[in-house]
Amino acid sequence: MDTPLWSHTVTLADIGRGMKSVELTADAATRVAIARDLGLERLDSLTARVSARPWLDGTEIRGALEAQVTQICSLSGEPFEQTLTSDFFVRAVPAGSDAAPRSESLEVDIDPEGEDPPDVLETDKVDLAAYVVEHLALEVDPFPRKPGAVYEPPAEDNVLSPFAALAKLRPDAE
C-alpha cells in the first residue's frame, strides 16, 4: 500500500460510537507534497470539514474542502491563483461486506446518474484526509486557463502549398 500524502484515520468502531465531524488543515510540507503530486504550481492552503457516520457495516463520509491553488495557464504559460471548492459524499464498507461491489463479471454496468458503489476498505481504518486529497484532485483542471486568456491561432503566412511550388517547376506545355 502506498504511503498517503496526508492522513487522518479513524476506525469504524470510532465512527460507530458517534464520531463528530473534524476540521482538517494541511501543513506546509503536506501542501508541497500534494501540489507536486497533483501537478500544481503551489497549494497555499487546504482545509476541509469532514464527518463520518455509520452506514450498514461501514460508513458514510461527507465533506467540504477549500483550497487556494496556483496553476500554470495552458495558453499563456503564466501562473494564476484560484480557489477550488468541493462537497463530497462517499460510502465505504469493510472487505467481505454484503454491500461491497462484486467483481464476478468482467463486464461493468455504469449508471452515470446512479450512486457510486461503496469503497471497499482494506482494514477497519478510514483515512478521511485521503478522501479530501482524492476529491481535490477531481477539482483540478488538467488544462487550466487563466481568466481572460484567449487562444490566438498563429498568423497564417501566405506560403504556397508544396503542390503549388512543384507546379511552378513544371515546364509549361504549350
N, C-alpha and C. Protein backbone atom coordinates (compact mmCIF):
# COMPACT_ATOMS: atom_id res chain seq x y z
N MET A 1 0.84 -1.17 0.00
CA MET A 1 0.00 0.00 0.00
C MET A 1 0.88 1.24 0.00
N ASP A 2 0.55 2.23 -0.83
CA ASP A 2 1.32 3.46 -0.89
C ASP A 2 1.10 4.29 0.37
N THR A 3 2.12 5.05 0.74
CA THR A 3 2.00 5.95 1.87
C THR A 3 1.18 7.15 1.42
N PRO A 4 0.11 7.49 2.14
CA PRO A 4 -0.71 8.62 1.71
C PRO A 4 0.04 9.94 1.88
N LEU A 5 -0.32 10.91 1.04
CA LEU A 5 0.29 12.24 1.12
C LEU A 5 -0.13 12.96 2.40
N TRP A 6 -1.34 12.67 2.83
CA TRP A 6 -1.91 13.33 4.01
C TRP A 6 -2.84 12.32 4.66
N SER A 7 -2.76 12.16 5.95
CA SER A 7 -3.54 11.12 6.60
C SER A 7 -4.19 11.60 7.89
N HIS A 8 -5.44 11.23 8.04
CA HIS A 8 -6.17 11.42 9.30
C HIS A 8 -7.14 10.24 9.38
N THR A 9 -6.73 9.19 10.09
CA THR A 9 -7.52 7.97 10.11
C THR A 9 -8.40 7.89 11.36
N VAL A 10 -9.53 7.26 11.16
CA VAL A 10 -10.44 6.90 12.26
C VAL A 10 -10.85 5.45 12.00
N THR A 11 -11.26 4.78 13.04
CA THR A 11 -11.68 3.39 12.87
C THR A 11 -13.20 3.33 12.70
N LEU A 12 -13.66 2.23 12.13
CA LEU A 12 -15.10 2.04 12.01
C LEU A 12 -15.74 1.99 13.40
N ALA A 13 -15.02 1.49 14.39
CA ALA A 13 -15.54 1.46 15.77
C ALA A 13 -15.73 2.87 16.30
N ASP A 14 -14.77 3.78 16.03
CA ASP A 14 -14.91 5.18 16.46
C ASP A 14 -16.14 5.80 15.82
N ILE A 15 -16.34 5.52 14.54
CA ILE A 15 -17.48 6.08 13.82
C ILE A 15 -18.77 5.52 14.41
N GLY A 16 -18.77 4.23 14.75
CA GLY A 16 -19.95 3.61 15.34
C GLY A 16 -20.31 4.18 16.70
N ARG A 17 -19.32 4.71 17.41
CA ARG A 17 -19.57 5.32 18.72
C ARG A 17 -20.02 6.77 18.60
N GLY A 18 -20.25 7.23 17.37
CA GLY A 18 -20.79 8.58 17.20
C GLY A 18 -19.74 9.65 17.00
N MET A 19 -18.71 9.35 16.24
CA MET A 19 -17.68 10.35 15.95
C MET A 19 -18.31 11.60 15.32
N LYS A 20 -17.91 12.74 15.76
CA LYS A 20 -18.40 14.01 15.21
C LYS A 20 -17.54 14.41 14.03
N SER A 21 -17.87 15.51 13.42
CA SER A 21 -17.08 15.98 12.28
C SER A 21 -15.74 16.53 12.75
N VAL A 22 -14.79 16.53 11.83
CA VAL A 22 -13.45 17.03 12.14
C VAL A 22 -13.07 18.11 11.13
N GLU A 23 -12.27 19.06 11.60
CA GLU A 23 -11.69 20.09 10.75
C GLU A 23 -10.27 19.65 10.43
N LEU A 24 -9.93 19.62 9.15
CA LEU A 24 -8.59 19.21 8.73
C LEU A 24 -7.92 20.38 8.03
N THR A 25 -6.66 20.62 8.36
CA THR A 25 -5.87 21.67 7.71
C THR A 25 -4.50 21.08 7.41
N ALA A 26 -4.13 21.12 6.13
CA ALA A 26 -2.84 20.56 5.72
C ALA A 26 -1.71 21.53 6.07
N ASP A 27 -0.62 21.00 6.62
CA ASP A 27 0.54 21.84 6.94
C ASP A 27 1.35 22.11 5.67
N ALA A 28 2.37 22.95 5.79
CA ALA A 28 3.14 23.40 4.63
C ALA A 28 3.81 22.23 3.89
N ALA A 29 4.44 21.33 4.61
CA ALA A 29 5.13 20.21 3.96
C ALA A 29 4.13 19.31 3.22
N THR A 30 2.99 19.09 3.83
CA THR A 30 1.95 18.28 3.20
C THR A 30 1.43 18.95 1.94
N ARG A 31 1.22 20.27 2.00
CA ARG A 31 0.73 21.00 0.83
C ARG A 31 1.74 20.93 -0.32
N VAL A 32 3.03 21.00 -0.02
CA VAL A 32 4.06 20.89 -1.06
C VAL A 32 3.98 19.52 -1.73
N ALA A 33 3.84 18.47 -0.94
CA ALA A 33 3.76 17.10 -1.49
C ALA A 33 2.49 16.92 -2.33
N ILE A 34 1.37 17.44 -1.86
CA ILE A 34 0.11 17.33 -2.61
C ILE A 34 0.20 18.12 -3.91
N ALA A 35 0.75 19.33 -3.85
CA ALA A 35 0.90 20.16 -5.06
C ALA A 35 1.74 19.44 -6.10
N ARG A 36 2.83 18.85 -5.67
CA ARG A 36 3.71 18.12 -6.59
C ARG A 36 2.96 16.95 -7.22
N ASP A 37 2.23 16.20 -6.40
CA ASP A 37 1.51 15.03 -6.88
C ASP A 37 0.38 15.39 -7.85
N LEU A 38 -0.26 16.54 -7.64
CA LEU A 38 -1.39 16.94 -8.47
C LEU A 38 -0.98 17.86 -9.63
N GLY A 39 0.31 18.14 -9.76
CA GLY A 39 0.78 18.98 -10.86
C GLY A 39 0.44 20.45 -10.69
N LEU A 40 0.34 20.91 -9.45
CA LEU A 40 0.05 22.31 -9.17
C LEU A 40 1.36 23.07 -8.99
N GLU A 41 1.34 24.32 -9.36
CA GLU A 41 2.49 25.18 -9.11
C GLU A 41 2.67 25.37 -7.60
N ARG A 42 1.56 25.67 -6.92
CA ARG A 42 1.56 25.83 -5.46
C ARG A 42 0.19 25.46 -4.91
N LEU A 43 0.19 25.06 -3.67
CA LEU A 43 -1.03 24.83 -2.91
C LEU A 43 -0.86 25.63 -1.62
N ASP A 44 -1.46 26.83 -1.61
CA ASP A 44 -1.24 27.75 -0.49
C ASP A 44 -2.06 27.39 0.75
N SER A 45 -3.21 26.77 0.55
CA SER A 45 -3.99 26.33 1.71
C SER A 45 -4.89 25.18 1.29
N LEU A 46 -5.17 24.33 2.25
CA LEU A 46 -6.10 23.23 2.05
C LEU A 46 -6.76 22.93 3.38
N THR A 47 -8.07 23.18 3.43
CA THR A 47 -8.83 22.90 4.64
C THR A 47 -10.07 22.11 4.26
N ALA A 48 -10.56 21.35 5.21
CA ALA A 48 -11.77 20.56 4.97
C ALA A 48 -12.50 20.32 6.27
N ARG A 49 -13.80 20.19 6.15
CA ARG A 49 -14.64 19.74 7.26
C ARG A 49 -15.23 18.41 6.80
N VAL A 50 -14.96 17.36 7.56
CA VAL A 50 -15.35 16.01 7.17
C VAL A 50 -16.09 15.36 8.34
N SER A 51 -17.19 14.70 8.01
CA SER A 51 -17.91 13.95 9.04
C SER A 51 -18.17 12.54 8.54
N ALA A 52 -18.21 11.63 9.47
CA ALA A 52 -18.46 10.22 9.14
C ALA A 52 -19.51 9.70 10.12
N ARG A 53 -20.41 8.91 9.58
CA ARG A 53 -21.44 8.29 10.43
C ARG A 53 -21.63 6.85 9.98
N PRO A 54 -22.15 6.01 10.84
CA PRO A 54 -22.35 4.62 10.47
C PRO A 54 -23.31 4.47 9.28
N TRP A 55 -22.99 3.50 8.42
CA TRP A 55 -23.87 3.12 7.31
C TRP A 55 -23.69 1.62 7.10
N LEU A 56 -24.78 0.87 7.25
CA LEU A 56 -24.72 -0.59 7.21
C LEU A 56 -23.56 -1.06 8.10
N ASP A 57 -22.63 -1.85 7.57
CA ASP A 57 -21.49 -2.27 8.39
C ASP A 57 -20.26 -1.40 8.10
N GLY A 58 -20.46 -0.28 7.42
CA GLY A 58 -19.37 0.63 7.07
C GLY A 58 -19.67 2.04 7.51
N THR A 59 -19.42 3.00 6.62
CA THR A 59 -19.57 4.41 6.97
C THR A 59 -19.99 5.25 5.78
N GLU A 60 -20.65 6.36 6.07
CA GLU A 60 -20.94 7.41 5.10
C GLU A 60 -20.06 8.59 5.46
N ILE A 61 -19.37 9.12 4.49
CA ILE A 61 -18.46 10.24 4.72
C ILE A 61 -18.95 11.43 3.91
N ARG A 62 -19.12 12.56 4.57
CA ARG A 62 -19.49 13.80 3.90
C ARG A 62 -18.42 14.82 4.19
N GLY A 63 -18.08 15.58 3.18
CA GLY A 63 -17.03 16.57 3.39
C GLY A 63 -17.18 17.77 2.50
N ALA A 64 -16.53 18.84 2.90
CA ALA A 64 -16.44 20.06 2.11
C ALA A 64 -15.00 20.53 2.21
N LEU A 65 -14.38 20.80 1.07
CA LEU A 65 -12.99 21.24 1.07
C LEU A 65 -12.87 22.59 0.38
N GLU A 66 -11.84 23.30 0.75
CA GLU A 66 -11.48 24.55 0.08
C GLU A 66 -9.97 24.60 -0.03
N ALA A 67 -9.49 24.97 -1.21
CA ALA A 67 -8.04 25.03 -1.45
C ALA A 67 -7.71 26.28 -2.26
N GLN A 68 -6.62 26.92 -1.90
CA GLN A 68 -6.06 28.03 -2.68
C GLN A 68 -4.91 27.45 -3.48
N VAL A 69 -5.05 27.43 -4.81
CA VAL A 69 -4.03 26.81 -5.66
C VAL A 69 -3.49 27.82 -6.66
N THR A 70 -2.28 27.56 -7.11
CA THR A 70 -1.69 28.30 -8.22
C THR A 70 -1.37 27.29 -9.30
N GLN A 71 -1.89 27.55 -10.51
CA GLN A 71 -1.64 26.69 -11.65
C GLN A 71 -0.99 27.52 -12.75
N ILE A 72 -0.46 26.83 -13.74
CA ILE A 72 0.13 27.49 -14.90
C ILE A 72 -0.89 27.42 -16.03
N CYS A 73 -1.21 28.58 -16.60
CA CYS A 73 -2.19 28.66 -17.68
C CYS A 73 -1.67 27.87 -18.88
N SER A 74 -2.53 27.01 -19.42
CA SER A 74 -2.12 26.18 -20.55
C SER A 74 -2.03 26.99 -21.85
N LEU A 75 -2.56 28.21 -21.87
CA LEU A 75 -2.46 29.06 -23.06
C LEU A 75 -1.30 30.02 -23.00
N SER A 76 -1.20 30.73 -21.88
CA SER A 76 -0.19 31.79 -21.79
C SER A 76 1.09 31.36 -21.09
N GLY A 77 1.03 30.28 -20.33
CA GLY A 77 2.20 29.86 -19.56
C GLY A 77 2.41 30.68 -18.30
N GLU A 78 1.44 31.53 -17.96
CA GLU A 78 1.55 32.39 -16.78
C GLU A 78 0.89 31.72 -15.57
N PRO A 79 1.46 31.91 -14.39
CA PRO A 79 0.82 31.37 -13.19
C PRO A 79 -0.41 32.21 -12.83
N PHE A 80 -1.41 31.55 -12.26
CA PHE A 80 -2.58 32.26 -11.76
C PHE A 80 -3.14 31.51 -10.57
N GLU A 81 -3.75 32.27 -9.66
CA GLU A 81 -4.31 31.70 -8.44
C GLU A 81 -5.81 31.52 -8.59
N GLN A 82 -6.32 30.51 -7.92
CA GLN A 82 -7.77 30.30 -7.88
C GLN A 82 -8.13 29.53 -6.63
N THR A 83 -9.41 29.61 -6.28
CA THR A 83 -9.94 28.86 -5.15
C THR A 83 -10.73 27.69 -5.69
N LEU A 84 -10.42 26.50 -5.20
CA LEU A 84 -11.16 25.30 -5.56
C LEU A 84 -11.97 24.85 -4.35
N THR A 85 -13.23 24.52 -4.59
CA THR A 85 -14.09 24.02 -3.52
C THR A 85 -14.79 22.76 -4.01
N SER A 86 -15.15 21.92 -3.07
CA SER A 86 -15.88 20.69 -3.42
C SER A 86 -16.62 20.18 -2.20
N ASP A 87 -17.84 19.76 -2.43
CA ASP A 87 -18.59 19.00 -1.44
C ASP A 87 -18.59 17.56 -1.93
N PHE A 88 -18.34 16.63 -1.04
CA PHE A 88 -18.29 15.23 -1.48
C PHE A 88 -19.01 14.31 -0.51
N PHE A 89 -19.38 13.17 -1.06
CA PHE A 89 -20.11 12.15 -0.31
C PHE A 89 -19.59 10.79 -0.77
N VAL A 90 -19.17 9.97 0.18
CA VAL A 90 -18.60 8.65 -0.13
C VAL A 90 -19.12 7.65 0.89
N ARG A 91 -19.35 6.45 0.42
CA ARG A 91 -19.67 5.35 1.34
C ARG A 91 -18.53 4.35 1.25
N ALA A 92 -18.22 3.73 2.39
CA ALA A 92 -17.15 2.74 2.44
C ALA A 92 -17.58 1.60 3.35
N VAL A 93 -17.19 0.39 2.94
CA VAL A 93 -17.53 -0.81 3.72
C VAL A 93 -16.29 -1.68 3.86
N PRO A 94 -16.26 -2.52 4.89
CA PRO A 94 -15.11 -3.42 5.03
C PRO A 94 -15.14 -4.51 3.96
N ALA A 95 -13.97 -5.06 3.69
CA ALA A 95 -13.89 -6.18 2.74
C ALA A 95 -14.76 -7.31 3.26
N GLY A 96 -15.43 -7.99 2.36
CA GLY A 96 -16.31 -9.10 2.75
C GLY A 96 -17.71 -8.67 3.11
N SER A 97 -17.98 -7.38 3.09
CA SER A 97 -19.31 -6.88 3.41
C SER A 97 -20.30 -7.29 2.33
N ASP A 98 -21.54 -7.52 2.73
CA ASP A 98 -22.59 -7.82 1.74
C ASP A 98 -22.85 -6.63 0.84
N ALA A 99 -22.51 -5.43 1.29
CA ALA A 99 -22.73 -4.21 0.50
C ALA A 99 -21.57 -3.91 -0.45
N ALA A 100 -20.48 -4.68 -0.34
CA ALA A 100 -19.31 -4.45 -1.21
C ALA A 100 -19.65 -4.83 -2.64
N PRO A 101 -19.15 -4.07 -3.61
CA PRO A 101 -19.42 -4.42 -5.00
C PRO A 101 -18.77 -5.76 -5.34
N ARG A 102 -19.45 -6.52 -6.18
CA ARG A 102 -18.95 -7.81 -6.61
C ARG A 102 -18.26 -7.66 -7.95
N SER A 103 -17.16 -8.36 -8.12
CA SER A 103 -16.42 -8.29 -9.39
C SER A 103 -16.36 -9.67 -10.03
N GLU A 104 -17.50 -10.34 -10.08
CA GLU A 104 -17.54 -11.69 -10.64
C GLU A 104 -17.49 -11.67 -12.16
N SER A 105 -17.96 -10.59 -12.74
CA SER A 105 -18.02 -10.49 -14.20
C SER A 105 -17.01 -9.46 -14.67
N LEU A 106 -16.50 -9.66 -15.88
CA LEU A 106 -15.58 -8.68 -16.46
C LEU A 106 -16.34 -7.48 -17.03
N GLU A 107 -17.63 -7.63 -17.22
CA GLU A 107 -18.45 -6.56 -17.76
C GLU A 107 -18.95 -5.69 -16.61
N VAL A 108 -18.84 -4.38 -16.80
CA VAL A 108 -19.24 -3.45 -15.76
C VAL A 108 -20.36 -2.57 -16.29
N ASP A 109 -21.45 -2.48 -15.55
CA ASP A 109 -22.55 -1.58 -15.90
C ASP A 109 -22.40 -0.33 -15.06
N ILE A 110 -22.34 0.82 -15.75
CA ILE A 110 -22.19 2.09 -15.04
C ILE A 110 -23.40 2.95 -15.35
N ASP A 111 -24.03 3.44 -14.31
CA ASP A 111 -25.14 4.36 -14.46
C ASP A 111 -24.64 5.74 -14.04
N PRO A 112 -24.44 6.67 -15.01
CA PRO A 112 -23.88 7.97 -14.66
C PRO A 112 -24.75 8.76 -13.69
N GLU A 113 -26.03 8.46 -13.65
CA GLU A 113 -26.93 9.17 -12.75
C GLU A 113 -27.10 8.45 -11.42
N GLY A 114 -26.64 7.22 -11.34
CA GLY A 114 -26.81 6.42 -10.13
C GLY A 114 -25.74 6.74 -9.09
N GLU A 115 -25.92 6.17 -7.92
CA GLU A 115 -24.94 6.35 -6.85
C GLU A 115 -23.70 5.52 -7.13
N ASP A 116 -22.56 6.03 -6.67
CA ASP A 116 -21.32 5.27 -6.79
C ASP A 116 -21.39 4.08 -5.84
N PRO A 117 -20.78 2.97 -6.23
CA PRO A 117 -20.73 1.84 -5.29
C PRO A 117 -19.82 2.21 -4.11
N PRO A 118 -20.01 1.58 -2.98
CA PRO A 118 -19.16 1.92 -1.84
C PRO A 118 -17.71 1.49 -2.07
N ASP A 119 -16.80 2.27 -1.50
CA ASP A 119 -15.39 1.87 -1.50
C ASP A 119 -15.24 0.68 -0.56
N VAL A 120 -14.27 -0.17 -0.87
CA VAL A 120 -14.00 -1.33 -0.02
C VAL A 120 -12.73 -1.03 0.77
N LEU A 121 -12.84 -1.07 2.07
CA LEU A 121 -11.70 -0.78 2.96
C LEU A 121 -10.84 -2.02 3.13
N GLU A 122 -9.53 -1.83 3.16
CA GLU A 122 -8.62 -2.95 3.37
C GLU A 122 -8.53 -3.33 4.85
N THR A 123 -8.75 -2.34 5.72
CA THR A 123 -8.69 -2.58 7.17
C THR A 123 -9.93 -1.95 7.79
N ASP A 124 -9.95 -1.86 9.12
CA ASP A 124 -11.08 -1.20 9.78
C ASP A 124 -10.86 0.30 9.92
N LYS A 125 -9.82 0.82 9.26
CA LYS A 125 -9.50 2.24 9.34
C LYS A 125 -9.98 2.98 8.09
N VAL A 126 -10.45 4.20 8.31
CA VAL A 126 -10.91 5.08 7.23
C VAL A 126 -10.02 6.31 7.25
N ASP A 127 -9.38 6.62 6.13
CA ASP A 127 -8.50 7.79 6.05
C ASP A 127 -9.27 8.96 5.47
N LEU A 128 -9.74 9.84 6.34
CA LEU A 128 -10.56 10.98 5.92
C LEU A 128 -9.76 11.97 5.08
N ALA A 129 -8.51 12.21 5.42
CA ALA A 129 -7.69 13.15 4.66
C ALA A 129 -7.43 12.64 3.25
N ALA A 130 -7.29 11.33 3.08
CA ALA A 130 -7.07 10.78 1.75
C ALA A 130 -8.28 11.05 0.85
N TYR A 131 -9.48 11.00 1.42
CA TYR A 131 -10.67 11.34 0.63
C TYR A 131 -10.66 12.82 0.25
N VAL A 132 -10.15 13.67 1.11
CA VAL A 132 -10.05 15.10 0.78
C VAL A 132 -9.12 15.29 -0.41
N VAL A 133 -7.95 14.66 -0.37
CA VAL A 133 -6.98 14.78 -1.47
C VAL A 133 -7.57 14.21 -2.76
N GLU A 134 -8.26 13.09 -2.67
CA GLU A 134 -8.87 12.48 -3.85
C GLU A 134 -9.88 13.45 -4.50
N HIS A 135 -10.69 14.09 -3.69
CA HIS A 135 -11.69 14.99 -4.25
C HIS A 135 -11.09 16.33 -4.68
N LEU A 136 -10.00 16.74 -4.07
CA LEU A 136 -9.28 17.90 -4.59
C LEU A 136 -8.74 17.59 -5.98
N ALA A 137 -8.19 16.41 -6.16
CA ALA A 137 -7.65 16.01 -7.46
C ALA A 137 -8.73 16.06 -8.54
N LEU A 138 -9.96 15.72 -8.18
CA LEU A 138 -11.05 15.77 -9.15
C LEU A 138 -11.41 17.20 -9.54
N GLU A 139 -11.10 18.16 -8.69
CA GLU A 139 -11.41 19.57 -8.97
C GLU A 139 -10.32 20.27 -9.78
N VAL A 140 -9.12 19.71 -9.82
CA VAL A 140 -8.01 20.35 -10.53
C VAL A 140 -8.22 20.20 -12.03
N ASP A 141 -8.21 21.32 -12.74
CA ASP A 141 -8.37 21.32 -14.20
C ASP A 141 -7.05 20.87 -14.83
N PRO A 142 -7.06 19.81 -15.63
CA PRO A 142 -5.81 19.36 -16.24
C PRO A 142 -5.29 20.31 -17.32
N PHE A 143 -6.14 21.19 -17.83
CA PHE A 143 -5.75 22.20 -18.82
C PHE A 143 -6.23 23.56 -18.33
N PRO A 144 -5.60 24.08 -17.28
CA PRO A 144 -6.10 25.30 -16.67
C PRO A 144 -5.95 26.51 -17.60
N ARG A 145 -6.91 27.41 -17.51
CA ARG A 145 -6.89 28.61 -18.31
C ARG A 145 -7.08 29.81 -17.40
N LYS A 146 -6.12 30.70 -17.43
CA LYS A 146 -6.18 31.92 -16.64
C LYS A 146 -7.39 32.73 -17.09
N PRO A 147 -8.13 33.30 -16.15
CA PRO A 147 -9.28 34.11 -16.55
C PRO A 147 -8.84 35.22 -17.53
N GLY A 148 -9.56 35.32 -18.62
CA GLY A 148 -9.25 36.32 -19.63
C GLY A 148 -8.28 35.84 -20.71
N ALA A 149 -7.66 34.70 -20.52
CA ALA A 149 -6.73 34.19 -21.53
C ALA A 149 -7.52 33.72 -22.75
N VAL A 150 -7.06 34.14 -23.90
CA VAL A 150 -7.76 33.82 -25.15
C VAL A 150 -6.77 33.16 -26.10
N TYR A 151 -7.23 32.11 -26.74
CA TYR A 151 -6.39 31.42 -27.71
C TYR A 151 -6.27 32.27 -28.97
N GLU A 152 -5.05 32.54 -29.37
CA GLU A 152 -4.77 33.26 -30.61
C GLU A 152 -4.10 32.29 -31.55
N PRO A 153 -4.79 31.91 -32.63
CA PRO A 153 -4.14 31.00 -33.57
C PRO A 153 -2.95 31.68 -34.23
N PRO A 154 -1.94 30.93 -34.62
CA PRO A 154 -0.78 31.55 -35.25
C PRO A 154 -1.20 32.24 -36.55
N ALA A 155 -0.53 33.35 -36.84
CA ALA A 155 -0.82 34.08 -38.07
C ALA A 155 -0.49 33.21 -39.27
N GLU A 156 -1.36 33.24 -40.26
CA GLU A 156 -1.13 32.44 -41.46
C GLU A 156 -0.18 33.19 -42.38
N ASP A 157 0.84 32.51 -42.77
CA ASP A 157 1.74 33.07 -43.78
C ASP A 157 1.13 32.73 -45.13
N ASN A 158 1.35 33.57 -46.09
CA ASN A 158 0.84 33.29 -47.42
C ASN A 158 1.81 32.39 -48.16
N VAL A 159 2.08 31.26 -47.55
CA VAL A 159 3.00 30.30 -48.13
C VAL A 159 2.21 29.40 -49.07
N LEU A 160 2.76 29.20 -50.22
CA LEU A 160 2.11 28.31 -51.17
C LEU A 160 2.21 26.89 -50.69
N SER A 161 1.26 26.09 -51.10
CA SER A 161 1.30 24.69 -50.74
C SER A 161 2.46 24.03 -51.47
N PRO A 162 2.93 22.89 -51.00
CA PRO A 162 4.02 22.19 -51.68
C PRO A 162 3.67 21.85 -53.13
N PHE A 163 2.41 21.58 -53.38
CA PHE A 163 2.00 21.24 -54.75
C PHE A 163 2.06 22.46 -55.66
N ALA A 164 1.74 23.63 -55.12
CA ALA A 164 1.83 24.86 -55.92
C ALA A 164 3.29 25.14 -56.25
N ALA A 165 4.17 24.89 -55.30
CA ALA A 165 5.60 25.10 -55.55
C ALA A 165 6.10 24.14 -56.62
N LEU A 166 5.64 22.90 -56.61
CA LEU A 166 6.03 21.92 -57.63
C LEU A 166 5.47 22.31 -59.00
N ALA A 167 4.27 22.85 -59.01
CA ALA A 167 3.68 23.24 -60.28
C ALA A 167 4.48 24.32 -60.97
N LYS A 168 5.15 25.16 -60.21
CA LYS A 168 5.98 26.21 -60.79
C LYS A 168 7.21 25.61 -61.47
N LEU A 169 7.66 24.47 -61.03
CA LEU A 169 8.85 23.83 -61.60
C LEU A 169 8.53 23.09 -62.89
N ARG A 170 7.31 22.79 -63.14
CA ARG A 170 6.90 22.04 -64.31
C ARG A 170 6.97 22.93 -65.55
N PRO A 171 7.60 22.43 -66.58
CA PRO A 171 7.64 23.26 -67.81
C PRO A 171 6.23 23.38 -68.39
N ASP A 172 5.98 24.54 -68.88
CA ASP A 172 4.64 24.79 -69.45
C ASP A 172 4.50 23.99 -70.74
N ALA A 173 3.43 23.30 -70.85
CA ALA A 173 3.15 22.54 -72.06
C ALA A 173 2.27 23.41 -72.96
N GLU A 174 2.87 23.90 -74.00
CA GLU A 174 2.10 24.76 -74.90
C GLU A 174 1.80 24.09 -76.17
